[in-house]
Amino acid sequence: MANQTGKRYYCERCGSEFIVTTGGNGEMTCCGQPVTRR
């Protein structure tokens, strides 16, 4: 999955939110699982 600049991602397990400042290829993970896009 490509991470898009300015998009918000969320960890279902711990509730952390992330905003992508530099887009690119790869998979964002937190707590050992992929994060979901909001």
Protein backbone atom coordinates (compact mmCIF):
# COMPACT_ATOMS: atom_id res chain seq x y z
CA MET A 1 0.00 0.00 0.00
CA ALA A 2 1.32 3.46 -0.84
CA ASN A 3 1.17 5.95 2.01
CA GLN A 4 -0.27 9.23 0.75
CA THR A 5 0.92 12.59 2.05
CA GLY A 6 -1.66 14.29 4.28
CA LYS A 7 -3.69 11.14 4.94
CA ARG A 8 -4.55 10.10 8.48
CA TYR A 9 -4.00 6.56 9.74
CA TYR A 10 -5.28 4.94 12.95
CA CYS A 11 -4.22 1.98 15.12
CA GLU A 12 -7.25 -0.12 16.08
CA ARG A 13 -5.39 -1.66 19.03
CA CYS A 14 -3.98 1.33 20.95
CA GLY A 15 -5.84 4.27 19.35
CA SER A 16 -2.77 6.12 18.06
CA GLU A 17 -3.28 8.38 15.04
CA PHE A 18 -0.66 9.23 12.43
CA ILE A 19 -0.56 11.86 9.68
CA VAL A 20 1.76 11.13 6.74
CA THR A 21 4.16 14.02 6.09
CA THR A 22 6.23 12.25 3.40
CA GLY A 23 4.40 9.73 1.23
CA GLY A 24 5.94 6.55 -0.11
CA ASN A 25 5.61 2.82 -0.63
CA GLY A 26 5.38 0.39 2.24
CA GLU A 27 3.03 -0.58 5.02
CA MET A 28 2.58 1.41 8.22
CA THR A 29 2.25 -0.73 11.32
CA CYS A 30 1.66 -0.14 15.02
CA CYS A 31 1.36 -2.72 17.82
CA GLY A 32 2.46 -5.40 15.32
CA GLN A 33 -0.49 -4.92 12.95
CA PRO A 34 -1.24 -2.70 9.92
CA VAL A 35 -2.88 0.65 10.63
CA THR A 36 -6.14 1.65 8.90
CA ARG A 37 -6.74 4.81 6.91
CA ARG A 38 -9.31 7.25 8.24
